[in-house]
PDB file of N, CA and C in Angstrom:
ATOM      1  N   UNK A   1      -9.405  20.765 -28.435  1.00  0.00           N
ATOM      2  CA  UNK A   1      -8.169  21.564 -28.578  1.00  0.00           C
ATOM      3  C   UNK A   1      -7.729  21.008 -29.515  1.00  0.00           C
ATOM      4  N   UNK A   2      -6.556  22.297 -30.025  1.00  0.00           N
ATOM      5  CA  UNK A   2      -6.283  21.887 -31.606  1.00  0.00           C
ATOM      6  C   UNK A   2      -4.957  21.228 -31.420  1.00  0.00           C
ATOM      7  N   UNK A   3      -3.991  20.873 -30.230  1.00  0.00           N
ATOM      8  CA  UNK A   3      -3.074  20.091 -30.490  1.00  0.00           C
ATOM      9  C   UNK A   3      -3.371  18.805 -29.909  1.00  0.00           C
ATOM     10  N   UNK A   4      -3.049  17.277 -30.353  1.00  0.00           N
ATOM     11  CA  UNK A   4      -3.103  16.609 -30.172  1.00  0.00           C
ATOM     12  C   UNK A   4      -2.651  15.953 -28.795  1.00  0.00           C
ATOM     13  N   UNK A   5      -1.662  17.184 -28.504  1.00  0.00           N
ATOM     14  CA  UNK A   5      -0.727  16.509 -27.127  1.00  0.00           C
ATOM     15  C   UNK A   5      -1.269  17.260 -25.942  1.00  0.00           C
ATOM     16  N   UNK A   6      -1.452  18.772 -26.234  1.00  0.00           N
ATOM     17  CA  UNK A   6      -2.593  19.284 -25.454  1.00  0.00           C
ATOM     18  C   UNK A   6      -4.358  18.211 -24.409  1.00  0.00           C
ATOM     19  N   UNK A   7      -4.132  17.841 -26.241  1.00  0.00           N
ATOM     20  CA  UNK A   7      -5.778  16.682 -25.641  1.00  0.00           C
ATOM     21  C   UNK A   7      -5.279  15.550 -24.783  1.00  0.00           C
ATOM     22  N   UNK A   8      -4.050  15.280 -24.985  1.00  0.00           N
ATOM     23  CA  UNK A   8      -4.124  13.991 -24.109  1.00  0.00           C
ATOM     24  C   UNK A   8      -2.953  13.576 -22.975  1.00  0.00           C
ATOM     25  N   UNK A   9      -2.391  14.894 -22.941  1.00  0.00           N
ATOM     26  CA  UNK A   9      -2.244  15.445 -21.626  1.00  0.00           C
ATOM     27  C   UNK A   9      -3.498  15.924 -20.926  1.00  0.00           C
ATOM     28  N   UNK A  10      -4.463  17.053 -21.201  1.00  0.00           N
ATOM     29  CA  UNK A  10      -5.813  17.062 -20.460  1.00  0.00           C
ATOM     30  C   UNK A  10      -6.276  15.783 -19.907  1.00  0.00           C
ATOM     31  N   UNK A  11      -6.386  15.221 -20.886  1.00  0.00           N
ATOM     32  CA  UNK A  11      -7.681  13.766 -20.445  1.00  0.00           C
ATOM     33  C   UNK A  11      -7.341  13.162 -19.628  1.00  0.00           C
ATOM     34  N   UNK A  12      -5.239  12.242 -19.792  1.00  0.00           N
ATOM     35  CA  UNK A  12      -4.600  11.768 -18.570  1.00  0.00           C
ATOM     36  C   UNK A  12      -4.870  12.660 -17.447  1.00  0.00           C
ATOM     37  N   UNK A  13      -4.528  13.981 -16.733  1.00  0.00           N
ATOM     38  CA  UNK A  13      -4.609  14.683 -15.444  1.00  0.00           C
ATOM     39  C   UNK A  13      -6.103  14.288 -15.709  1.00  0.00           C
ATOM     40  N   UNK A  14      -7.207  14.394 -16.603  1.00  0.00           N
ATOM     41  CA  UNK A  14      -8.809  14.197 -15.916  1.00  0.00           C
ATOM     42  C   UNK A  14      -8.738  12.625 -15.007  1.00  0.00           C
ATOM     43  N   UNK A  15      -8.402  11.853 -15.709  1.00  0.00           N
ATOM     44  CA  UNK A  15      -8.605  10.361 -15.570  1.00  0.00           C
ATOM     45  C   UNK A  15      -7.590  10.511 -14.080  1.00  0.00           C
ATOM     46  N   UNK A  16      -6.846  10.580 -14.328  1.00  0.00           N
ATOM     47  CA  UNK A  16      -5.235  10.980 -12.737  1.00  0.00           C
ATOM     48  C   UNK A  16      -5.524  11.319 -11.394  1.00  0.00           C
ATOM     49  N   UNK A  17      -6.444  12.423 -11.772  1.00  0.00           N
ATOM     50  CA  UNK A  17      -6.187  13.442 -10.911  1.00  0.00           C
ATOM     51  C   UNK A  17      -7.921  13.449  -9.969  1.00  0.00           C
ATOM     52  N   UNK A  18      -8.173  13.653  -8.469  1.00  0.00           N
ATOM     53  CA  UNK A  18      -9.394  12.990  -8.065  1.00  0.00           C
ATOM     54  C   UNK A  18     -10.119  13.808  -8.449  1.00  0.00           C
ATOM     55  N   UNK A  19     -11.373  13.455  -8.655  1.00  0.00           N
ATOM     56  CA  UNK A  19     -12.186  15.018  -8.436  1.00  0.00           C
ATOM     57  C   UNK A  19     -12.899  14.907  -6.871  1.00  0.00           C
ATOM     58  N   UNK A  20     -12.513  16.317  -6.572  1.00  0.00           N
ATOM     59  CA  UNK A  20     -12.958  16.334  -5.032  1.00  0.00           C
ATOM     60  C   UNK A  20     -14.184  16.279  -4.979  1.00  0.00           C
ATOM     61  N   UNK A  21     -15.241  17.745  -6.198  1.00  0.00           N
ATOM     62  CA  UNK A  21     -16.261  18.160  -5.761  1.00  0.00           C
ATOM     63  C   UNK A  21     -17.279  17.013  -5.296  1.00  0.00           C
ATOM     64  N   UNK A  22     -17.263  15.857  -4.731  1.00  0.00           N
ATOM     65  CA  UNK A  22     -18.132  15.312  -4.449  1.00  0.00           C
ATOM     66  C   UNK A  22     -17.848  15.536  -2.219  1.00  0.00           C
ATOM     67  N   UNK A  23     -16.794  15.954  -2.655  1.00  0.00           N
ATOM     68  CA  UNK A  23     -16.587  16.223  -1.010  1.00  0.00           C
ATOM     69  C   UNK A  23     -17.116  17.829  -0.592  1.00  0.00           C
ATOM     70  N   UNK A  24     -17.832  18.704  -1.185  1.00  0.00           N
ATOM     71  CA  UNK A  24     -18.116  19.763  -0.743  1.00  0.00           C
ATOM     72  C   UNK A  24     -19.526  19.929  -1.168  1.00  0.00           C
ATOM     73  N   UNK A  25     -20.033  20.078   0.432  1.00  0.00           N
ATOM     74  CA  UNK A  25     -21.364  19.310   0.599  1.00  0.00           C
ATOM     75  C   UNK A  25     -21.807  20.788   1.267  1.00  0.00           C
ATOM     76  N   UNK A  26     -21.335  22.072   1.174  1.00  0.00           N
ATOM     77  CA  UNK A  26     -21.818  22.869   2.194  1.00  0.00           C
ATOM     78  C   UNK A  26     -22.962  24.035   1.045  1.00  0.00           C
ATOM     79  N   UNK A  27     -23.508  23.532   0.339  1.00  0.00           N
ATOM     80  CA  UNK A  27     -24.193  24.110  -0.621  1.00  0.00           C
ATOM     81  C   UNK A  27     -25.192  23.860  -0.150  1.00  0.00           C
ATOM     82  N   UNK A  28     -25.526  22.416   0.275  1.00  0.00           N
ATOM     83  CA  UNK A  28     -26.590  21.397   0.458  1.00  0.00           C
ATOM     84  C   UNK A  28     -26.369  21.559   1.983  1.00  0.00           C
ATOM     85  N   UNK A  29     -26.038  21.901   3.141  1.00  0.00           N
ATOM     86  CA  UNK A  29     -26.041  22.019   4.359  1.00  0.00           C
ATOM     87  C   UNK A  29     -26.921  23.844   4.444  1.00  0.00           C
ATOM     88  N   UNK A  30     -26.027  24.915   3.472  1.00  0.00           N
ATOM     89  CA  UNK A  30     -26.436  25.800   4.046  1.00  0.00           C
ATOM     90  C   UNK A  30     -28.135  26.496   3.588  1.00  0.00           C
ATOM     91  N   UNK A  31     -28.682  25.148   2.708  1.00  0.00           N
ATOM     92  CA  UNK A  31     -29.822  25.443   1.997  1.00  0.00           C
ATOM     93  C   UNK A  31     -30.617  24.330   3.092  1.00  0.00           C
ATOM     94  N   UNK A  32     -30.035  23.982   3.707  1.00  0.00           N
ATOM     95  CA  UNK A  32     -31.179  22.760   4.860  1.00  0.00           C
ATOM     96  C   UNK A  32     -31.384  21.355   4.294  1.00  0.00           C
ATOM     97  N   UNK A  33     -30.827  21.091   3.088  1.00  0.00           N
ATOM     98  CA  UNK A  33     -30.220  19.680   2.363  1.00  0.00           C
ATOM     99  C   UNK A  33     -30.118  18.771   3.095  1.00  0.00           C
ATOM    100  N   UNK A  34     -30.432  17.369   3.493  1.00  0.00           N
ATOM    101  CA  UNK A  34     -30.274  16.896   4.128  1.00  0.00           C
ATOM    102  C   UNK A  34     -28.806  16.009   3.227  1.00  0.00           C
ATOM    103  N   UNK A  35     -27.814  15.826   4.126  1.00  0.00           N
ATOM    104  CA  UNK A  35     -26.333  15.163   3.498  1.00  0.00           C
ATOM    105  C   UNK A  35     -26.378  13.511   3.947  1.00  0.00           C
ATOM    106  N   UNK A  36     -27.152  12.491   2.692  1.00  0.00           N
ATOM    107  CA  UNK A  36     -27.270  11.063   3.198  1.00  0.00           C
ATOM    108  C   UNK A  36     -25.951  10.433   3.929  1.00  0.00           C
ATOM    109  N   UNK A  37     -26.832   9.495   4.772  1.00  0.00           N
ATOM    110  CA  UNK A  37     -24.742   8.374   4.770  1.00  0.00           C
ATOM    111  C   UNK A  37     -24.355   7.936   3.997  1.00  0.00           C
ATOM    112  N   UNK A  38     -25.456   7.811   2.554  1.00  0.00           N
ATOM    113  CA  UNK A  38     -25.046   6.642   1.725  1.00  0.00           C
ATOM    114  C   UNK A  38     -24.346   7.664   1.751  1.00  0.00           C
ATOM    115  N   UNK A  39     -24.039   8.713   1.003  1.00  0.00           N
ATOM    116  CA  UNK A  39     -23.576   9.608   0.373  1.00  0.00           C
ATOM    117  C   UNK A  39     -22.131  10.008   1.139  1.00  0.00           C
ATOM    118  N   UNK A  40     -22.362  10.236   1.872  1.00  0.00           N
ATOM    119  CA  UNK A  40     -21.043  10.744   2.701  1.00  0.00           C
ATOM    120  C   UNK A  40     -20.284   8.686   2.601  1.00  0.00           C
ATOM    121  N   UNK A  41     -20.865   7.882   2.996  1.00  0.00           N
ATOM    122  CA  UNK A  41     -20.293   6.416   2.662  1.00  0.00           C
ATOM    123  C   UNK A  41     -19.341   6.547   1.301  1.00  0.00           C
ATOM    124  N   UNK A  42     -19.883   6.662   0.207  1.00  0.00           N
ATOM    125  CA  UNK A  42     -19.407   7.234  -0.753  1.00  0.00           C
ATOM    126  C   UNK A  42     -18.634   7.168  -1.201  1.00  0.00           C
ATOM    127  N   UNK A  43     -18.473   8.519  -0.913  1.00  0.00           N
ATOM    128  CA  UNK A  43     -17.827   9.623  -1.070  1.00  0.00           C
ATOM    129  C   UNK A  43     -17.268   9.360  -0.520  1.00  0.00           C
ATOM    130  N   UNK A  44     -16.656   8.935   1.500  1.00  0.00           N
ATOM    131  CA  UNK A  44     -15.923   8.340   2.454  1.00  0.00           C
ATOM    132  C   UNK A  44     -14.358   7.450   1.216  1.00  0.00           C
ATOM    133  N   UNK A  45     -15.559   6.113   1.122  1.00  0.00           N
ATOM    134  CA  UNK A  45     -15.168   4.845   0.373  1.00  0.00           C
ATOM    135  C   UNK A  45     -13.969   5.928  -1.088  1.00  0.00           C
ATOM    136  N   UNK A  46     -14.930   6.648  -1.241  1.00  0.00           N
ATOM    137  CA  UNK A  46     -14.511   6.920  -3.225  1.00  0.00           C
ATOM    138  C   UNK A  46     -12.541   7.623  -2.632  1.00  0.00           C
ATOM    139  N   UNK A  47     -11.635   8.499  -1.813  1.00  0.00           N
ATOM    140  CA  UNK A  47     -11.148   8.578  -1.141  1.00  0.00           C
ATOM    141  C   UNK A  47     -10.129   8.307  -0.547  1.00  0.00           C
ATOM    142  N   UNK A  48     -11.022   7.706   0.201  1.00  0.00           N
ATOM    143  CA  UNK A  48      -9.947   6.245   0.191  1.00  0.00           C
ATOM    144  C   UNK A  48      -9.037   4.768  -0.044  1.00  0.00           C
ATOM    145  N   UNK A  49     -10.388   5.105  -1.524  1.00  0.00           N
ATOM    146  CA  UNK A  49      -9.695   3.849  -2.707  1.00  0.00           C
ATOM    147  C   UNK A  49      -8.963   4.901  -3.253  1.00  0.00           C
ATOM    148  N   UNK A  50      -9.125   6.458  -3.429  1.00  0.00           N
ATOM    149  CA  UNK A  50      -7.159   7.220  -3.942  1.00  0.00           C
ATOM    150  C   UNK A  50      -6.514   7.869  -3.479  1.00  0.00           C
ATOM    151  N   UNK A  51      -6.554   7.333  -2.669  1.00  0.00           N
ATOM    152  CA  UNK A  51      -5.455   7.228  -1.237  1.00  0.00           C
ATOM    153  C   UNK A  51      -4.945   6.709  -1.613  1.00  0.00           C
ATOM    154  N   UNK A  52      -5.329   4.974  -1.047  1.00  0.00           N
ATOM    155  CA  UNK A  52      -4.745   3.768  -1.254  1.00  0.00           C
ATOM    156  C   UNK A  52      -4.486   3.750  -2.552  1.00  0.00           C
ATOM    157  N   UNK A  53      -4.296   3.993  -4.043  1.00  0.00           N
ATOM    158  CA  UNK A  53      -4.018   3.854  -4.628  1.00  0.00           C
ATOM    159  C   UNK A  53      -2.791   4.408  -4.699  1.00  0.00           C
ATOM    160  N   UNK A  54      -2.626   5.947  -4.259  1.00  0.00           N
ATOM    161  CA  UNK A  54      -1.255   6.964  -4.428  1.00  0.00           C
ATOM    162  C   UNK A  54      -0.477   6.107  -3.812  1.00  0.00           C
ATOM    163  N   UNK A  55      -0.878   5.663  -2.116  1.00  0.00           N
ATOM    164  CA  UNK A  55       0.114   5.308  -1.487  1.00  0.00           C
ATOM    165  C   UNK A  55       1.091   4.035  -2.222  1.00  0.00           C
ATOM    166  N   UNK A  56      -0.214   2.819  -2.730  1.00  0.00           N
ATOM    167  CA  UNK A  56       0.478   1.726  -3.279  1.00  0.00           C
ATOM    168  C   UNK A  56       1.465   2.075  -4.467  1.00  0.00           C
ATOM    169  N   UNK A  57       1.479   3.247  -5.133  1.00  0.00           N
ATOM    170  CA  UNK A  57       2.031   3.664  -6.226  1.00  0.00           C
ATOM    171  C   UNK A  57       3.155   4.208  -5.868  1.00  0.00           C
ATOM    172  N   UNK A  58       2.839   5.042  -4.727  1.00  0.00           N
ATOM    173  CA  UNK A  58       4.850   5.154  -3.934  1.00  0.00           C
ATOM    174  C   UNK A  58       5.344   4.431  -3.621  1.00  0.00           C
ATOM    175  N   UNK A  59       3.990   3.212  -3.363  1.00  0.00           N
ATOM    176  CA  UNK A  59       5.423   1.947  -2.021  1.00  0.00           C
ATOM    177  C   UNK A  59       6.311   1.364  -3.500  1.00  0.00           C
ATOM    178  N   UNK A  60       5.004   1.510  -5.149  1.00  0.00           N
ATOM    179  CA  UNK A  60       6.436   0.628  -5.757  1.00  0.00           C
ATOM    180  C   UNK A  60       7.102   1.603  -6.550  1.00  0.00           C
ATOM    181  N   UNK A  61       7.043   3.012  -6.198  1.00  0.00           N
ATOM    182  CA  UNK A  61       7.594   3.889  -6.845  1.00  0.00           C
ATOM    183  C   UNK A  61       8.774   3.828  -5.961  1.00  0.00           C
ATOM    184  N   UNK A  62       9.138   3.896  -4.700  1.00  0.00           N
ATOM    185  CA  UNK A  62      10.246   4.474  -3.343  1.00  0.00           C
ATOM    186  C   UNK A  62      10.454   2.072  -3.538  1.00  0.00           C
ATOM    187  N   UNK A  63      10.273   1.774  -3.759  1.00  0.00           N
ATOM    188  CA  UNK A  63      10.684   0.440  -3.154  1.00  0.00           C
ATOM    189  C   UNK A  63      12.125   0.045  -4.300  1.00  0.00           C
ATOM    190  N   UNK A  64      11.886   0.834  -5.318  1.00  0.00           N
ATOM    191  CA  UNK A  64      12.432  -0.118  -6.295  1.00  0.00           C
ATOM    192  C   UNK A  64      14.335   1.295  -5.559  1.00  0.00           C
ATOM    193  N   UNK A  65      14.364   2.062  -5.161  1.00  0.00           N
ATOM    194  CA  UNK A  65      15.396   3.038  -4.521  1.00  0.00           C
ATOM    195  C   UNK A  65      15.916   2.335  -3.222  1.00  0.00           C
ATOM    196  N   UNK A  66      17.171   2.879  -3.535  1.00  0.00           N
ATOM    197  CA  UNK A  66      18.137   2.576  -2.582  1.00  0.00           C
ATOM    198  C   UNK A  66      18.838   4.084  -1.940  1.00  0.00           C
ATOM    199  N   UNK A  67      18.417   4.389  -0.168  1.00  0.00           N
ATOM    200  CA  UNK A  67      18.684   5.319   0.005  1.00  0.00           C
ATOM    201  C   UNK A  67      19.500   5.257   0.870  1.00  0.00           C
ATOM    202  N   UNK A  68      20.907   4.405   0.868  1.00  0.00           N
ATOM    203  CA  UNK A  68      21.696   3.936   2.158  1.00  0.00           C
ATOM    204  C   UNK A  68      22.898   4.922   0.859  1.00  0.00           C
TER     205      UNK A  68
END
């Protein structure tokens, strides 16, 4: 990218947003390729880790708020 700010923003989004491609196994299933339990376990672990990190971030952000 020509803009340093746009390159920085792109890199920040690349690391902040989840990679959902590993969850898409339909091509393997359609072509009769087995999906191993280890792959499912690692992908589920990745999803749980990301969800946990987002919940922890939300707790951190909203613990400082007064909703009264």
